[in-house]
Amino acid sequence: MIQITQLRKRCIGCNACVEAAPGRWAMSRKDGKCTLVGAIGKKDIYILNVSEIEFEENKKASEACPVNIIQVKFL
């Protein structure tokens, strides 16, 4: 299992994560920031545990993020 963490308040809405992992990331029409689909947020920190199948594409999303607000790690 892997854990994906996003510091959403620092998101600049560049869309890089959506391009790397479109099944897990989406752009919000409300504020123009990226949303970690299915995550639970607490004080602008969003966390989601997913299967290892999603590791590669979400690691690419993390590496593509210009403000380094996405972390992907094994649990």
Protein backbone atom coordinates (compact mmCIF):
# COMPACT_ATOMS: atom_id res chain seq x y z
CA MET A 1 0.00 0.00 0.00
CA ILE A 2 1.14 3.54 -0.70
CA GLN A 3 0.17 6.85 0.83
CA ILE A 4 -0.29 10.02 -1.21
CA THR A 5 -0.15 13.35 0.62
CA GLN A 6 -0.96 16.76 -0.85
CA LEU A 7 -0.48 20.20 0.72
CA ARG A 8 -3.37 21.66 -1.25
CA LYS A 9 -3.22 25.28 -0.05
CA ARG A 10 0.17 25.66 -1.76
CA CYS A 11 -1.11 24.30 -5.10
CA ILE A 12 -0.66 26.70 -8.03
CA GLY A 13 -3.01 24.78 -10.37
CA CYS A 14 -0.43 23.97 -13.04
CA ASN A 15 -2.19 20.68 -13.98
CA ALA A 16 1.04 18.61 -14.06
CA CYS A 17 -0.31 16.02 -11.61
CA VAL A 18 -3.53 15.64 -13.60
CA GLU A 19 -1.53 14.95 -16.76
CA ALA A 20 0.67 12.38 -14.99
CA ALA A 21 -2.13 10.55 -13.13
CA PRO A 22 -5.55 11.57 -14.50
CA GLY A 23 -7.34 8.79 -12.62
CA ARG A 24 -6.30 10.16 -9.25
CA TRP A 25 -6.02 13.95 -9.80
CA ALA A 26 -8.53 16.53 -11.04
CA MET A 27 -8.69 20.29 -11.39
CA SER A 28 -11.23 22.03 -9.19
CA ARG A 29 -13.59 24.37 -11.01
CA LYS A 30 -14.22 26.12 -7.70
CA ASP A 31 -10.70 27.42 -7.01
CA GLY A 32 -8.49 26.24 -9.90
CA LYS A 33 -6.34 24.00 -7.71
CA CYS A 34 -5.68 20.30 -8.12
CA THR A 35 -7.66 17.84 -6.05
CA LEU A 36 -6.51 14.41 -4.88
CA VAL A 37 -9.59 12.38 -5.83
CA GLY A 38 -10.91 10.34 -2.92
CA ALA A 39 -8.67 11.94 -0.29
CA ILE A 40 -9.69 13.11 3.13
CA GLY A 41 -8.57 16.62 4.03
CA LYS A 42 -7.62 18.07 7.35
CA LYS A 43 -6.38 21.68 7.48
CA ASP A 44 -5.45 21.70 3.77
CA ILE A 45 -3.44 18.46 4.02
CA TYR A 46 -5.05 15.71 1.99
CA ILE A 47 -4.10 12.07 2.52
CA LEU A 48 -5.11 8.94 0.63
CA ASN A 49 -3.95 5.33 0.88
CA VAL A 50 -4.08 3.38 -2.38
CA SER A 51 -2.73 0.12 -3.78
CA GLU A 52 0.80 -0.22 -5.11
CA ILE A 53 -0.60 -0.37 -8.66
CA GLU A 54 -0.92 3.43 -8.56
CA PHE A 55 2.65 4.06 -7.40
CA GLU A 56 4.35 4.81 -10.73
CA GLU A 57 1.87 7.33 -12.10
CA ASN A 58 1.53 9.15 -8.77
CA LYS A 59 5.31 9.22 -8.33
CA LYS A 60 5.44 10.92 -11.75
CA ALA A 61 2.79 13.38 -10.55
CA SER A 62 4.92 14.11 -7.48
CA GLU A 63 8.05 14.66 -9.55
CA ALA A 64 6.21 16.89 -12.05
CA CYS A 65 4.82 19.20 -9.36
CA PRO A 66 6.77 22.49 -9.57
CA VAL A 67 5.99 23.46 -5.97
CA ASN A 68 6.72 20.00 -4.46
CA ILE A 69 3.45 19.63 -2.57
CA ILE A 70 2.85 15.94 -3.37
CA GLN A 71 4.49 13.09 -1.49
CA VAL A 72 4.15 9.41 -2.40
CA LYS A 73 5.51 6.77 -0.05
CA PHE A 74 5.16 3.11 0.78
CA LEU A 75 3.49 2.24 4.07
